[in-house]
Amino acid sequence: MSSFTKNLSWRRAAKAFGSEGENPNIEPILEAIHMCVCGVFCICVGHTPTPCFHFACFTLTPPSLFIPYFITFRAPSSFGIQPYTVKVVTKPELIQQLPGVCYGQAHVGQASAVLVFVAKKDCVAAGDKFIALRQLKQYAPPYAEMIEGSMSGIKASGGSKEWCKRQAYIALGFGLAAAAEHKVASCPMEGFNGEGLGKLVGVKDDEEVCVVLALGRMPADDAAYTGGYPQWRHDKSAFFERI
C-alpha cells in the first residue's frame, strides 16, 4: 500500500481539532486547490514578453505538485477556468463566529484555518474573464471559441451555477487528499447558512458559497477526532462495477 493510500485511510472528517502545539502549515493545501488545470497549461520561462501556450490535443501534464495549501491550487478544472475563489479564514475572531453560521457545529470554531469555497454564478462571465486574462483570442482563437461555445451551452441549459460549483468540488477533493498526505486534520462541510457565511467572509453578488473545508491540529483524543465512529466504506465489489 502506498503512503498516499495509507494517508487517505488515516483521514477522517474531523469532529474536533486540537488546541496544543503549532498551527499546521496550510500553504501546500492552498497550492493544491489553486493550480487547477485542464485543457491548456502554460509554461513561461524567463522574461517572456508575451504569453506562451503549448498544446497537445488540448491536454498537458501539469508540473510536480508541491504540498496541501499547494495541492488544492493545482487541482484540475475544466478548461483551466477555475470559476471559484477560496476565502482563507485564519483570524481567530472570525473563526470563532463560524459555528453561529454553521448550525452550531462546534468543531469549525476550533479549526486553525477554514477554507470557504465560493463559486461564480455565471459560467459565461467566468469563461470570458479567463479568455481575456490568457489572451486566448489572440494566441489560441480555436480554443477561445470552444470555451465560449461550451459556456454558452451550459448557461442556456440552466446549469451555470451548478457547473461552477462542480469545479470547486474537484479542488475540495484535492485539498482533502493534500491534508491527509501532510497529516493535517480536516473536515469538509456543507452544513452552513449560505447567506450568513457569505456576509461574514465578504462574498460578492455574483458569487455563492458552495462548500467549506476546516483544517486544524489533531486532537489528543482520537475518539474526539472521529466522533466515536470508525471509518466505513462500501465493499469494493459493490462500489466498483467492472464492465
Protein backbone atom coordinates (compact mmCIF):
# COMPACT_ATOMS: atom_id res chain seq x y z
CA MET A 1 0.00 0.00 0.00
CA SER A 2 1.42 3.40 -0.97
CA SER A 3 1.89 6.17 1.59
CA PHE A 4 -0.78 8.16 -0.25
CA THR A 5 -3.30 5.32 0.13
CA LYS A 6 -2.35 4.86 3.79
CA ASN A 7 -2.82 8.54 4.47
CA LEU A 8 -6.25 8.56 2.82
CA SER A 9 -7.19 5.62 5.03
CA TRP A 10 -5.92 7.61 8.03
CA ARG A 11 -8.02 10.71 7.38
CA ARG A 12 -11.47 11.23 8.86
CA ALA A 13 -14.00 14.05 8.82
CA ALA A 14 -12.62 15.64 11.98
CA LYS A 15 -15.26 16.22 14.67
CA ALA A 16 -12.82 18.11 16.86
CA PHE A 17 -9.49 19.88 16.45
CA GLY A 18 -6.59 20.10 18.87
CA SER A 19 -5.52 23.22 20.73
CA GLU A 20 -1.93 22.24 21.60
CA GLY A 21 1.17 22.94 19.54
CA GLU A 22 1.73 24.98 16.40
CA ASN A 23 -0.90 25.52 13.75
CA PRO A 24 -0.45 23.19 10.76
CA ASN A 25 1.08 24.55 7.56
CA ILE A 26 -1.85 25.00 5.17
CA GLU A 27 0.14 26.60 2.33
CA PRO A 28 0.60 23.29 0.44
CA ILE A 29 -3.16 22.66 0.65
CA LEU A 30 -3.91 26.07 -0.83
CA GLU A 31 -1.44 25.50 -3.65
CA ALA A 32 -3.15 22.21 -4.46
CA ILE A 33 -6.51 23.96 -4.67
CA HIS A 34 -5.16 26.82 -6.73
CA MET A 35 -3.30 25.20 -9.63
CA CYS A 36 -6.43 23.79 -11.25
CA VAL A 37 -5.54 22.96 -14.83
CA CYS A 38 -7.32 21.03 -17.57
CA GLY A 39 -7.21 21.53 -21.31
CA VAL A 40 -4.38 24.03 -21.62
CA PHE A 41 -1.35 24.61 -19.44
CA CYS A 42 1.05 27.50 -19.96
CA ILE A 43 4.71 27.33 -19.03
CA CYS A 44 6.65 30.58 -19.36
CA VAL A 45 10.37 30.52 -18.64
CA GLY A 46 12.34 33.72 -18.02
CA HIS A 47 11.21 37.17 -19.06
CA THR A 48 8.84 36.28 -21.87
CA PRO A 49 7.20 39.42 -23.32
CA THR A 50 4.07 37.57 -24.48
CA PRO A 51 2.16 34.56 -23.15
CA CYS A 52 3.36 31.21 -24.47
CA PHE A 53 0.98 28.30 -24.93
CA HIS A 54 1.79 24.66 -25.50
CA PHE A 55 -0.91 22.35 -26.85
CA ALA A 56 -1.02 18.59 -27.16
CA CYS A 57 -4.59 17.74 -28.15
CA PHE A 58 -5.54 20.47 -25.63
CA THR A 59 -4.18 18.32 -22.80
CA LEU A 60 -0.91 18.83 -20.97
CA THR A 61 0.60 17.33 -17.87
CA PRO A 62 0.99 19.89 -15.07
CA PRO A 63 4.30 20.15 -13.18
CA SER A 64 5.03 18.31 -9.96
CA LEU A 65 2.69 19.04 -7.06
CA PHE A 66 4.24 20.71 -4.05
CA ILE A 67 2.41 20.19 -0.68
CA PRO A 68 -1.53 20.68 0.96
CA TYR A 69 -2.10 24.56 0.51
CA PHE A 70 -0.34 23.89 -2.84
CA ILE A 71 -2.42 20.90 -3.98
CA THR A 72 -5.91 22.42 -3.96
CA PHE A 73 -4.34 25.19 -6.04
CA ARG A 74 -3.24 22.52 -8.55
CA ALA A 75 -6.48 20.57 -8.82
CA PRO A 76 -7.97 20.02 -12.29
CA SER A 77 -10.58 22.49 -13.58
CA SER A 78 -12.47 22.26 -16.85
CA PHE A 79 -10.66 24.38 -19.48
CA GLY A 80 -8.50 25.71 -16.62
CA ILE A 81 -11.14 28.38 -15.91
CA GLN A 82 -11.35 27.99 -12.11
CA PRO A 83 -14.80 29.63 -11.75
CA TYR A 84 -14.47 29.99 -8.00
CA THR A 85 -12.33 31.58 -5.31
CA VAL A 86 -11.28 30.32 -1.88
CA LYS A 87 -11.63 32.51 1.20
CA VAL A 88 -8.89 31.51 3.65
CA VAL A 89 -10.18 32.31 7.13
CA THR A 90 -7.40 32.36 9.74
CA LYS A 91 -8.31 35.29 12.01
CA PRO A 92 -9.39 33.84 15.39
CA GLU A 93 -12.14 36.44 15.79
CA LEU A 94 -13.71 35.30 12.51
CA ILE A 95 -13.25 31.57 13.13
CA GLN A 96 -15.00 31.93 16.49
CA GLN A 97 -18.06 33.29 14.69
CA LEU A 98 -18.31 30.38 12.27
CA PRO A 99 -20.34 27.98 14.48
CA GLY A 100 -23.06 30.64 14.52
CA VAL A 101 -23.48 30.35 10.74
CA CYS A 102 -22.76 26.59 10.64
CA TYR A 103 -25.76 25.39 12.66
CA GLY A 104 -23.83 25.32 15.92
CA GLN A 105 -21.15 22.85 14.81
CA ALA A 106 -18.50 23.50 17.44
CA HIS A 107 -15.55 21.90 15.68
CA VAL A 108 -15.42 24.55 12.94
CA GLY A 109 -14.74 27.11 15.67
CA GLN A 110 -11.74 25.02 16.83
CA ALA A 111 -10.06 24.98 13.43
CA SER A 112 -6.75 26.67 12.67
CA ALA A 113 -7.93 27.68 9.21
CA VAL A 114 -11.21 27.41 7.34
CA LEU A 115 -11.33 27.42 3.55
CA VAL A 116 -14.61 28.75 2.16
CA PHE A 117 -15.12 27.77 -1.48
CA VAL A 118 -17.04 30.48 -3.30
CA ALA A 119 -18.34 29.63 -6.78
CA LYS A 120 -19.23 32.09 -9.50
CA LYS A 121 -22.87 32.14 -10.59
CA ASP A 122 -22.27 32.91 -14.29
CA CYS A 123 -20.07 30.45 -16.19
CA VAL A 124 -20.10 32.61 -19.33
CA ALA A 125 -18.66 35.58 -17.42
CA ALA A 126 -16.06 33.30 -15.83
CA GLY A 127 -15.11 31.91 -19.24
CA ASP A 128 -14.87 35.38 -20.79
CA LYS A 129 -12.60 36.54 -17.96
CA PHE A 130 -10.33 33.53 -18.45
CA ILE A 131 -10.14 34.13 -22.20
CA ALA A 132 -9.21 37.77 -21.63
CA LEU A 133 -6.61 37.03 -18.93
CA ARG A 134 -4.91 34.39 -21.11
CA GLN A 135 -5.31 36.45 -24.30
CA LEU A 136 -6.70 33.34 -25.98
CA LYS A 137 -8.45 35.21 -28.78
CA GLN A 138 -5.06 36.49 -29.87
CA TYR A 139 -2.92 33.40 -29.26
CA ALA A 140 -5.38 30.48 -29.48
CA PRO A 141 -8.61 31.55 -31.25
CA PRO A 142 -9.99 28.00 -31.75
CA TYR A 143 -9.63 27.30 -28.04
CA ALA A 144 -11.34 30.60 -27.15
CA GLU A 145 -14.24 29.74 -29.46
CA MET A 146 -14.55 26.28 -27.93
CA ILE A 147 -14.74 27.77 -24.42
CA GLU A 148 -17.32 30.38 -25.48
CA GLY A 149 -19.50 27.75 -27.14
CA SER A 150 -19.30 25.39 -24.20
CA MET A 151 -20.07 28.05 -21.59
CA SER A 152 -22.98 29.42 -23.62
CA GLY A 153 -24.46 25.93 -23.92
CA ILE A 154 -24.14 25.26 -20.20
CA LYS A 155 -25.78 28.58 -19.33
CA ALA A 156 -28.58 28.09 -21.86
CA SER A 157 -29.42 24.74 -20.27
CA GLY A 158 -29.75 26.41 -16.83
CA GLY A 159 -26.67 24.71 -15.41
CA SER A 160 -24.37 27.70 -14.98
CA LYS A 161 -24.19 27.80 -11.17
CA GLU A 162 -24.01 24.03 -10.80
CA TRP A 163 -21.16 23.76 -13.31
CA CYS A 164 -19.15 26.36 -11.38
CA LYS A 165 -19.82 24.56 -8.09
CA ARG A 166 -18.69 21.22 -9.52
CA GLN A 167 -15.34 22.74 -10.43
CA ALA A 168 -14.93 23.91 -6.82
CA TYR A 169 -15.67 20.39 -5.55
CA ILE A 170 -12.82 18.99 -7.64
CA ALA A 171 -10.46 21.38 -5.83
CA LEU A 172 -12.02 20.39 -2.49
CA GLY A 173 -11.11 16.76 -3.17
CA PHE A 174 -7.51 17.68 -3.87
CA GLY A 175 -7.40 19.75 -0.71
CA LEU A 176 -8.66 16.82 1.36
CA ALA A 177 -6.10 14.48 -0.18
CA ALA A 178 -3.32 17.00 0.43
CA ALA A 179 -4.37 17.44 4.05
CA ALA A 180 -4.26 13.67 4.55
CA GLU A 181 -0.82 13.45 2.93
CA HIS A 182 0.51 16.01 5.40
CA LYS A 183 -1.42 14.66 8.39
CA VAL A 184 -3.49 17.81 8.81
CA ALA A 185 -6.89 17.15 10.40
CA SER A 186 -9.68 18.17 8.04
CA CYS A 187 -13.44 18.24 7.72
CA PRO A 188 -15.48 19.13 4.60
CA MET A 189 -18.77 20.83 5.44
CA GLU A 190 -22.00 21.63 3.64
CA GLY A 191 -23.94 22.41 6.83
CA PHE A 192 -23.99 26.20 6.91
CA ASN A 193 -26.23 29.18 6.33
CA GLY A 194 -25.05 30.35 2.93
CA GLU A 195 -26.26 33.92 3.31
CA GLY A 196 -24.85 34.33 6.81
CA LEU A 197 -21.49 32.78 5.94
CA GLY A 198 -21.34 34.82 2.75
CA LYS A 199 -21.76 38.06 4.71
CA LEU A 200 -19.13 37.00 7.23
CA VAL A 201 -16.44 36.32 4.60
CA GLY A 202 -17.42 39.03 2.11
CA VAL A 203 -19.00 37.12 -0.78
CA LYS A 204 -19.92 39.28 -3.80
CA ASP A 205 -23.30 39.42 -5.55
CA ASP A 206 -22.08 37.29 -8.46
CA GLU A 207 -20.79 34.55 -6.13
CA GLU A 208 -22.21 31.87 -3.83
CA VAL A 209 -20.68 29.80 -1.02
CA CYS A 210 -20.78 26.12 -2.00
CA VAL A 211 -18.63 24.16 0.49
CA VAL A 212 -16.26 24.63 3.42
CA LEU A 213 -13.05 22.83 4.41
CA ALA A 214 -11.98 23.15 8.06
CA LEU A 215 -8.31 22.43 8.82
CA GLY A 216 -6.55 22.10 12.15
CA ARG A 217 -4.37 20.23 14.59
CA MET A 218 -5.02 16.65 15.56
CA PRO A 219 -6.76 16.46 18.97
CA ALA A 220 -5.10 14.45 21.71
CA ASP A 221 -8.16 12.20 21.98
CA ASP A 222 -8.68 10.06 18.89
CA ALA A 223 -12.31 9.45 19.86
CA ALA A 224 -12.90 13.21 19.74
CA TYR A 225 -11.31 13.33 16.29
CA THR A 226 -13.52 10.61 14.84
CA GLY A 227 -16.64 11.38 16.86
CA GLY A 228 -16.51 7.77 18.01
CA TYR A 229 -17.38 6.39 14.57
CA PRO A 230 -14.96 4.16 12.66
CA GLN A 231 -14.29 4.91 9.00
CA TRP A 232 -16.64 2.92 6.78
CA ARG A 233 -16.74 2.37 3.03
CA HIS A 234 -18.76 0.07 0.79
CA ASP A 235 -17.10 -3.18 -0.17
CA LYS A 236 -15.03 -2.75 -3.33
CA SER A 237 -17.07 -5.42 -5.12
CA ALA A 238 -20.21 -3.35 -4.54
CA PHE A 239 -18.58 0.00 -5.19
CA PHE A 240 -16.79 -0.79 -8.47
CA GLU A 241 -18.73 -2.22 -11.37
CA ARG A 242 -16.30 -3.70 -13.87
CA ILE A 243 -17.67 -3.75 -17.42
